[in-house]
Amino acid sequence: MRLLRLVTASETPAERGHEIGAALAQEIRANVDRYLAFFAVRGLNEATVRAVAESSLTALGEWSPGLAQELRSTAEAAGVEPWRLAALNARTEVLAVVGADREGECSTAIYAPPGAAAPQTIQTWDWHASLCPAGLLLELVPDSTSPERRVGRVRLFTELGMLGKIGVNDAGIGVHFNILHHASDHPRGGVPVHAIARRILDEATSIAEAEAIARSARVSASTVLTVVSLRDEHPRAVCLELSPERVSVLTPDDAHWLLHTNHFRHPDQEPGEATPDVSTTYVRLDHVAERVADMANVSVQERGAQMCGPAGGNAPVCFVPNPADPPHEQWTTLLTISLDLAAARLDVVAGNPALLAATGPSRF
């Protein structure tokens, strides 16, 4: 995966959307086409995709008019019908119609002890390389017209044309992102979960504010947002498990670690767990739990090495595609990312933690 970079100083949703859409028009159109083809392969006809996308865009407009405007402006500047870009942003909601895939996405590990030192984070992002030949590192200024603005700058990684995913703001808040599946997931499009991650980055200055934002959204698909704070508060890291039924909160264990892969961990959510048993989510969680003793208080590069352990690139957290599988079933660790909350920067490598260990990260 190539990593494109864009820095925008636009301070209104319309201006920002037009700038992003114009700068990345070709890439955004190609990404939309890839996803619509992927939805068709997964058995979804255009009418179904459009219905979910339009209902999700309506839900987004009611919940965050600014983000809905940014999406529409991006679509206009990129030459994409709004519903098609909405389908990309609501890809989690669209895929909830067909239920859980045989695999999940992502392994996240957070070390968040009390004190002045910032939490230490690392996450893999696992997905289909055929759907994401390029990703975007985006720096932006949140909406200057919003009465909630107390954030000066946001840096994030996302897919081209998508509002948000993983990132950090200069108020000391960071967000990691893992997909989940729940029995209550449904096709009546709710607020896109990727937009919830973005709004937290745009507005939140504390864990409590991030949780309030997440709770205010009506969702139709599940995910977990792991939110970390530079501020020495209690807790300074949480996993917000979102399902259409409820929001549940997980906090660090007694050793100050907070881990998540792709299954619900809160007891209130577990009865609705819908991740296929063939998923590696449980194996990956156990693997990371066994590695955390060597992952604290080391460099980002060493954190990647220790996340893999002796197995290196063959560790469970490193997906290697099987060429015998069709492209839409080939899983690859496309990104490893760490959040530097103190500097409001991202440390990234387009690959698995073993590559991070071998090459070191790029900083954005």
Protein backbone atom coordinates (compact mmCIF):
# COMPACT_ATOMS: atom_id res chain seq x y z
CA MET A 1 0.00 0.00 0.00
CA ARG A 2 1.24 3.48 -0.91
CA LEU A 3 0.72 6.23 1.63
CA LEU A 4 -0.36 9.56 0.17
CA ARG A 5 -0.10 12.74 2.25
CA LEU A 6 -2.32 15.81 2.25
CA VAL A 7 -2.27 18.85 4.53
CA THR A 8 -5.31 21.10 4.37
CA ALA A 9 -5.75 24.45 6.11
CA SER A 10 -9.40 24.84 5.08
CA GLU A 11 -11.52 25.67 8.13
CA THR A 12 -15.07 25.02 6.91
CA PRO A 13 -16.54 21.65 5.92
CA ALA A 14 -17.40 22.79 2.39
CA GLU A 15 -13.95 24.25 1.73
CA ARG A 16 -12.17 21.24 3.23
CA GLY A 17 -14.27 18.77 1.26
CA HIS A 18 -13.66 20.61 -1.99
CA GLU A 19 -9.92 20.76 -1.31
CA ILE A 20 -9.69 17.05 -0.51
CA GLY A 21 -11.93 16.04 -3.40
CA ALA A 22 -10.08 18.16 -5.95
CA ALA A 23 -6.62 17.09 -4.79
CA LEU A 24 -7.45 13.37 -4.76
CA ALA A 25 -10.23 13.13 -7.34
CA GLN A 26 -8.80 10.29 -9.40
CA GLU A 27 -7.85 8.22 -6.36
CA ILE A 28 -11.23 8.76 -4.68
CA ARG A 29 -13.19 7.78 -7.80
CA ALA A 30 -11.10 4.63 -8.16
CA ASN A 31 -11.61 3.74 -4.50
CA VAL A 32 -15.38 4.19 -4.77
CA ASP A 33 -15.45 1.96 -7.85
CA ARG A 34 -13.42 -0.73 -6.09
CA TYR A 35 -15.76 -0.78 -3.10
CA LEU A 36 -18.94 -0.89 -5.17
CA ALA A 37 -17.50 -3.84 -7.09
CA PHE A 38 -16.55 -5.47 -3.78
CA PHE A 39 -20.09 -5.05 -2.45
CA ALA A 40 -21.41 -6.76 -5.60
CA VAL A 41 -19.02 -9.68 -5.11
CA ARG A 42 -20.32 -9.97 -1.54
CA GLY A 43 -23.82 -10.41 -2.96
CA LEU A 44 -25.21 -6.89 -2.52
CA ASN A 45 -27.07 -5.31 -5.40
CA GLU A 46 -26.81 -1.59 -6.13
CA ALA A 47 -30.29 -0.80 -4.81
CA THR A 48 -29.47 -2.30 -1.41
CA VAL A 49 -26.10 -0.53 -1.22
CA ARG A 50 -27.67 2.78 -2.20
CA ALA A 51 -30.44 2.43 0.39
CA VAL A 52 -27.97 1.82 3.21
CA ALA A 53 -25.66 4.58 1.97
CA GLU A 54 -28.42 7.18 1.71
CA SER A 55 -29.89 6.32 5.09
CA SER A 56 -26.41 6.50 6.64
CA LEU A 57 -25.82 9.88 5.01
CA THR A 58 -29.13 11.11 6.40
CA ALA A 59 -28.19 9.84 9.86
CA LEU A 60 -24.80 11.54 9.56
CA GLY A 61 -26.43 14.82 8.53
CA GLU A 62 -28.70 14.77 11.56
CA TRP A 63 -25.84 13.87 13.91
CA SER A 64 -23.01 15.95 12.42
CA PRO A 65 -24.10 18.41 9.70
CA GLY A 66 -20.50 19.54 9.21
CA LEU A 67 -19.16 16.07 8.41
CA ALA A 68 -22.11 15.42 6.10
CA GLN A 69 -21.32 18.66 4.28
CA GLU A 70 -17.65 17.72 4.01
CA LEU A 71 -18.62 14.38 2.49
CA ARG A 72 -20.96 16.00 -0.04
CA SER A 73 -18.38 18.63 -0.98
CA THR A 74 -15.69 15.97 -1.40
CA ALA A 75 -18.02 14.03 -3.68
CA GLU A 76 -18.78 17.10 -5.77
CA ALA A 77 -15.13 18.07 -6.21
CA ALA A 78 -14.11 14.48 -6.99
CA GLY A 79 -16.89 13.99 -9.52
CA VAL A 80 -18.66 11.24 -7.55
CA GLU A 81 -22.37 10.91 -6.87
CA PRO A 82 -22.92 11.64 -3.16
CA TRP A 83 -24.57 8.29 -2.48
CA ARG A 84 -21.58 6.46 -3.93
CA LEU A 85 -19.11 8.28 -1.66
CA ALA A 86 -21.54 7.76 1.22
CA ALA A 87 -21.42 4.02 0.49
CA LEU A 88 -17.64 4.09 0.84
CA ASN A 89 -17.87 5.94 4.16
CA ALA A 90 -20.58 3.55 5.31
CA ARG A 91 -18.73 0.43 4.17
CA THR A 92 -19.03 -1.09 7.67
CA GLU A 93 -22.77 -0.38 7.67
CA VAL A 94 -23.20 -1.77 4.13
CA LEU A 95 -21.31 -4.97 4.97
CA ALA A 96 -23.44 -5.44 8.09
CA VAL A 97 -26.22 -6.44 5.67
CA VAL A 98 -24.36 -9.63 4.73
CA GLY A 99 -22.99 -10.31 8.20
CA ALA A 100 -19.51 -10.94 9.49
CA ASP A 101 -16.67 -11.92 7.21
CA ARG A 102 -14.62 -14.97 8.09
CA GLU A 103 -11.86 -12.70 9.39
CA GLY A 104 -11.65 -9.39 11.23
CA GLU A 105 -9.50 -6.32 11.03
CA CYS A 106 -6.80 -5.14 13.36
CA SER A 107 -5.00 -5.80 16.64
CA THR A 108 -4.55 -2.92 19.10
CA ALA A 109 -2.36 -2.68 22.21
CA ILE A 110 -2.24 0.30 24.59
CA TYR A 111 0.01 0.82 27.59
CA ALA A 112 -1.48 3.61 29.70
CA PRO A 113 0.05 3.90 33.18
CA PRO A 114 -0.72 6.90 35.38
CA GLY A 115 1.77 9.76 35.42
CA ALA A 116 3.15 12.39 33.12
CA ALA A 117 4.36 10.04 30.40
CA ALA A 118 2.04 9.62 27.40
CA PRO A 119 0.31 6.30 26.73
CA GLN A 120 2.17 4.03 24.31
CA THR A 121 0.09 2.65 21.46
CA ILE A 122 0.37 0.33 18.48
CA GLN A 123 -2.16 -1.09 16.04
CA THR A 124 -2.18 -3.21 12.92
CA TRP A 125 -4.74 -2.57 10.19
CA ASP A 126 -5.64 -5.72 8.27
CA TRP A 127 -7.72 -5.58 5.09
CA HIS A 128 -7.78 -6.54 1.43
CA ALA A 129 -4.85 -5.13 -0.54
CA SER A 130 -6.97 -5.17 -3.70
CA LEU A 131 -9.32 -2.66 -2.07
CA CYS A 132 -6.64 -0.36 -0.74
CA PRO A 133 -3.61 0.04 -3.01
CA ALA A 134 -3.18 3.48 -1.48
CA GLY A 135 -4.09 5.05 1.86
CA LEU A 136 -4.17 8.65 3.04
CA LEU A 137 -2.31 10.50 5.79
CA LEU A 138 -4.36 13.65 6.30
CA GLU A 139 -3.68 16.75 8.40
CA LEU A 140 -6.62 19.09 8.88
CA VAL A 141 -8.02 21.97 10.92
CA PRO A 142 -11.42 21.14 12.44
CA ASP A 143 -14.51 23.18 11.61
CA SER A 144 -13.90 26.77 12.75
CA THR A 145 -17.65 27.45 12.91
CA SER A 146 -18.31 24.72 15.47
CA PRO A 147 -19.02 25.91 19.01
CA GLU A 148 -17.32 22.72 20.22
CA ARG A 149 -13.97 23.54 18.63
CA ARG A 150 -11.14 23.25 21.12
CA VAL A 151 -8.89 21.27 18.82
CA GLY A 152 -6.46 23.12 16.60
CA ARG A 153 -5.18 20.32 14.38
CA VAL A 154 -5.87 16.66 13.60
CA ARG A 155 -3.61 14.12 11.93
CA LEU A 156 -5.09 10.84 10.84
CA PHE A 157 -4.81 7.82 8.60
CA THR A 158 -7.81 6.84 6.51
CA GLU A 159 -8.87 5.34 3.23
CA LEU A 160 -9.15 7.65 0.24
CA GLY A 161 -12.52 9.42 0.34
CA MET A 162 -13.32 8.28 3.88
CA LEU A 163 -13.86 10.81 6.66
CA GLY A 164 -11.70 9.14 9.30
CA LYS A 165 -10.25 6.08 10.94
CA ILE A 166 -7.11 6.23 13.17
CA GLY A 167 -5.51 9.43 14.40
CA VAL A 168 -4.54 12.01 16.99
CA ASN A 169 -5.38 15.63 17.78
CA ASP A 170 -3.34 18.40 19.38
CA ALA A 171 -5.56 18.35 22.47
CA GLY A 172 -3.89 15.07 23.44
CA ILE A 173 -6.58 12.63 22.27
CA GLY A 174 -5.94 9.64 20.02
CA VAL A 175 -8.25 7.06 18.44
CA HIS A 176 -7.60 3.48 17.29
CA PHE A 177 -10.20 1.53 15.33
CA ASN A 178 -11.18 -2.18 15.17
CA ILE A 179 -14.23 -3.70 13.50
CA LEU A 180 -16.67 -5.86 15.52
CA HIS A 181 -19.82 -7.85 14.71
CA HIS A 182 -22.98 -8.13 16.81
CA ALA A 183 -26.30 -9.89 16.49
CA SER A 184 -28.03 -6.51 16.65
CA ASP A 185 -26.26 -5.16 13.53
CA HIS A 186 -28.92 -4.27 10.95
CA PRO A 187 -29.33 -2.82 7.43
CA ARG A 188 -31.07 0.42 8.41
CA GLY A 189 -28.03 2.65 8.02
CA GLY A 190 -26.93 4.44 11.14
CA VAL A 191 -24.19 7.01 11.64
CA PRO A 192 -21.05 5.64 9.92
CA VAL A 193 -18.68 4.39 12.60
CA HIS A 194 -15.75 5.89 10.71
CA ALA A 195 -17.40 9.30 11.08
CA ILE A 196 -17.66 8.77 14.85
CA ALA A 197 -13.90 8.27 15.02
CA ARG A 198 -13.40 11.47 13.01
CA ARG A 199 -15.74 13.56 15.17
CA ILE A 200 -13.94 12.44 18.32
CA LEU A 201 -10.68 13.62 16.80
CA ASP A 202 -12.24 16.92 15.71
CA GLU A 203 -13.84 17.77 19.03
CA ALA A 204 -12.75 15.72 22.06
CA THR A 205 -10.24 16.98 24.60
CA SER A 206 -10.85 14.24 27.19
CA ILE A 207 -11.92 10.63 27.50
CA ALA A 208 -15.28 11.74 28.90
CA GLU A 209 -15.95 13.96 25.88
CA ALA A 210 -14.98 11.18 23.49
CA GLU A 211 -17.36 8.78 25.22
CA ALA A 212 -20.18 11.34 25.11
CA ILE A 213 -19.68 11.79 21.37
CA ALA A 214 -19.75 8.03 20.79
CA ARG A 215 -22.88 7.61 22.91
CA SER A 216 -24.68 10.35 21.00
CA ALA A 217 -24.55 8.45 17.69
CA ARG A 218 -27.18 5.97 16.56
CA VAL A 219 -25.30 3.11 14.90
CA SER A 220 -26.38 0.17 12.78
CA ALA A 221 -23.01 -1.61 12.71
CA SER A 222 -20.53 -2.48 15.42
CA THR A 223 -16.98 -1.38 16.10
CA VAL A 224 -14.62 -0.59 18.94
CA LEU A 225 -12.96 2.80 19.25
CA THR A 226 -9.95 2.75 21.56
CA VAL A 227 -9.47 6.29 22.85
CA VAL A 228 -6.31 7.41 24.64
CA SER A 229 -5.55 10.65 26.44
CA LEU A 230 -2.36 12.55 27.13
CA ARG A 231 -4.00 13.94 30.25
CA ASP A 232 -3.30 11.97 33.44
CA GLU A 233 -6.94 11.23 34.18
CA HIS A 234 -8.71 8.08 35.25
CA PRO A 235 -9.11 6.30 33.00
CA ARG A 236 -6.72 7.68 30.41
CA ALA A 237 -7.55 4.93 27.91
CA VAL A 238 -10.82 3.19 27.12
CA CYS A 239 -12.22 0.80 24.56
CA LEU A 240 -15.66 2.03 23.53
CA GLU A 241 -17.45 -1.05 22.23
CA LEU A 242 -20.30 0.16 20.00
CA SER A 243 -23.21 -2.01 18.91
CA PRO A 244 -26.75 -1.00 17.93
CA GLU A 245 -27.84 -2.21 21.37
CA ARG A 246 -25.45 -0.25 23.58
CA VAL A 247 -22.06 1.35 24.22
CA SER A 248 -19.84 -0.51 26.67
CA VAL A 249 -16.58 0.70 28.17
CA LEU A 250 -13.44 -1.32 28.87
CA THR A 251 -10.57 0.15 30.91
CA PRO A 252 -6.92 -0.95 31.30
CA ASP A 253 -6.08 -3.96 33.45
CA ASP A 254 -4.06 -3.81 36.67
CA ALA A 255 -0.84 -3.75 34.64
CA HIS A 256 -2.19 -0.71 32.70
CA TRP A 257 -2.65 -2.56 29.41
CA LEU A 258 -5.71 -2.32 27.18
CA LEU A 259 -5.92 -4.82 24.32
CA HIS A 260 -8.49 -5.40 21.58
CA THR A 261 -8.86 -7.41 18.40
CA ASN A 262 -12.17 -8.18 16.66
CA HIS A 263 -14.56 -9.67 19.18
CA PHE A 264 -16.57 -8.07 21.98
CA ARG A 265 -14.93 -8.30 25.37
CA HIS A 266 -17.38 -6.51 27.67
CA PRO A 267 -19.75 -8.93 29.45
CA ASP A 268 -22.79 -6.84 28.45
CA GLN A 269 -21.92 -7.24 24.76
CA GLU A 270 -20.70 -10.83 24.68
CA PRO A 271 -24.18 -12.45 24.36
CA GLY A 272 -24.53 -10.77 20.97
CA GLU A 273 -21.05 -11.69 19.72
CA ALA A 274 -21.26 -12.53 16.00
CA THR A 275 -17.64 -12.98 14.93
CA PRO A 276 -17.16 -16.30 13.09
CA ASP A 277 -15.37 -18.97 15.07
CA VAL A 278 -12.85 -19.35 12.25
CA SER A 279 -11.57 -15.81 12.83
CA THR A 280 -8.09 -15.41 14.27
CA THR A 281 -9.31 -12.68 16.64
CA TYR A 282 -8.96 -14.87 19.74
CA VAL A 283 -5.54 -16.19 18.73
CA ARG A 284 -4.31 -12.65 18.03
CA LEU A 285 -5.58 -11.36 21.37
CA ASP A 286 -3.86 -14.20 23.24
CA HIS A 287 -0.65 -13.59 21.30
CA VAL A 288 -0.55 -9.87 22.12
CA ALA A 289 -1.40 -10.57 25.76
CA GLU A 290 1.62 -12.87 25.94
CA ARG A 291 3.86 -10.19 24.42
CA VAL A 292 2.96 -7.11 26.48
CA ALA A 293 5.60 -7.66 29.17
CA ASP A 294 8.24 -6.78 26.57
CA MET A 295 6.32 -4.00 24.80
CA ALA A 296 6.27 -1.28 27.47
CA ASN A 297 8.71 1.65 27.63
CA VAL A 298 10.51 0.83 24.40
CA SER A 299 10.81 2.68 21.09
CA VAL A 300 8.09 2.39 18.47
CA GLN A 301 10.42 0.26 16.36
CA GLU A 302 11.13 -2.09 19.25
CA ARG A 303 7.42 -2.17 20.11
CA GLY A 304 6.80 -3.58 16.64
CA ALA A 305 9.46 -6.23 17.15
CA GLN A 306 8.09 -7.26 20.51
CA MET A 307 4.51 -7.33 19.24
CA CYS A 308 5.63 -10.03 16.80
CA GLY A 309 8.01 -11.82 19.16
CA PRO A 310 10.29 -14.65 17.98
CA ALA A 311 7.89 -15.52 15.16
CA GLY A 312 8.59 -12.21 13.45
CA GLY A 313 6.55 -11.80 10.28
CA ASN A 314 4.91 -15.19 10.90
CA ALA A 315 3.28 -13.99 14.12
CA PRO A 316 -0.53 -14.18 14.28
CA VAL A 317 -0.74 -10.36 14.11
CA CYS A 318 0.92 -10.36 10.67
CA PHE A 319 -1.52 -11.33 7.93
CA VAL A 320 0.05 -12.76 4.78
CA PRO A 321 -2.36 -13.22 1.86
CA ASN A 322 -2.99 -16.64 0.43
CA PRO A 323 -2.67 -16.29 -3.36
CA ALA A 324 -4.99 -19.25 -3.79
CA ASP A 325 -7.86 -17.21 -2.34
CA PRO A 326 -9.85 -14.76 -4.49
CA PRO A 327 -8.68 -11.14 -3.99
CA HIS A 328 -11.69 -10.20 -1.86
CA GLU A 329 -10.78 -12.96 0.62
CA GLN A 330 -7.05 -12.27 0.82
CA TRP A 331 -6.10 -10.61 4.10
CA THR A 332 -2.97 -8.50 4.44
CA THR A 333 -1.56 -6.38 7.26
CA LEU A 334 -1.53 -3.15 5.30
CA LEU A 335 -0.48 -0.76 8.07
CA THR A 336 1.10 -0.62 11.51
CA ILE A 337 0.58 2.66 13.34
CA SER A 338 1.48 4.24 16.68
CA LEU A 339 0.15 7.51 18.11
CA ASP A 340 2.50 10.09 19.61
CA LEU A 341 0.07 12.04 21.77
CA ALA A 342 2.61 14.53 23.08
CA ALA A 343 3.66 15.63 19.60
CA ALA A 344 0.27 14.98 17.95
CA ARG A 345 2.02 12.86 15.32
CA LEU A 346 1.59 9.45 13.72
CA ASP A 347 4.37 6.88 13.37
CA VAL A 348 3.47 4.54 10.53
CA VAL A 349 4.74 1.85 8.21
CA ALA A 350 2.82 0.45 5.25
CA GLY A 351 3.12 -3.14 6.39
CA ASN A 352 3.16 -5.40 9.42
CA PRO A 353 4.95 -4.90 12.78
CA ALA A 354 7.89 -6.99 11.57
CA LEU A 355 8.46 -4.43 8.81
CA LEU A 356 8.18 -1.65 11.38
CA ALA A 357 10.84 -3.41 13.43
CA ALA A 358 13.11 -3.79 10.41
CA THR A 359 12.80 -0.33 8.90
CA GLY A 360 11.50 1.96 11.61
CA PRO A 361 8.45 4.18 11.13
CA SER A 362 7.74 7.18 8.97
CA ARG A 363 6.45 10.18 10.88
CA PHE A 364 3.47 12.26 9.91
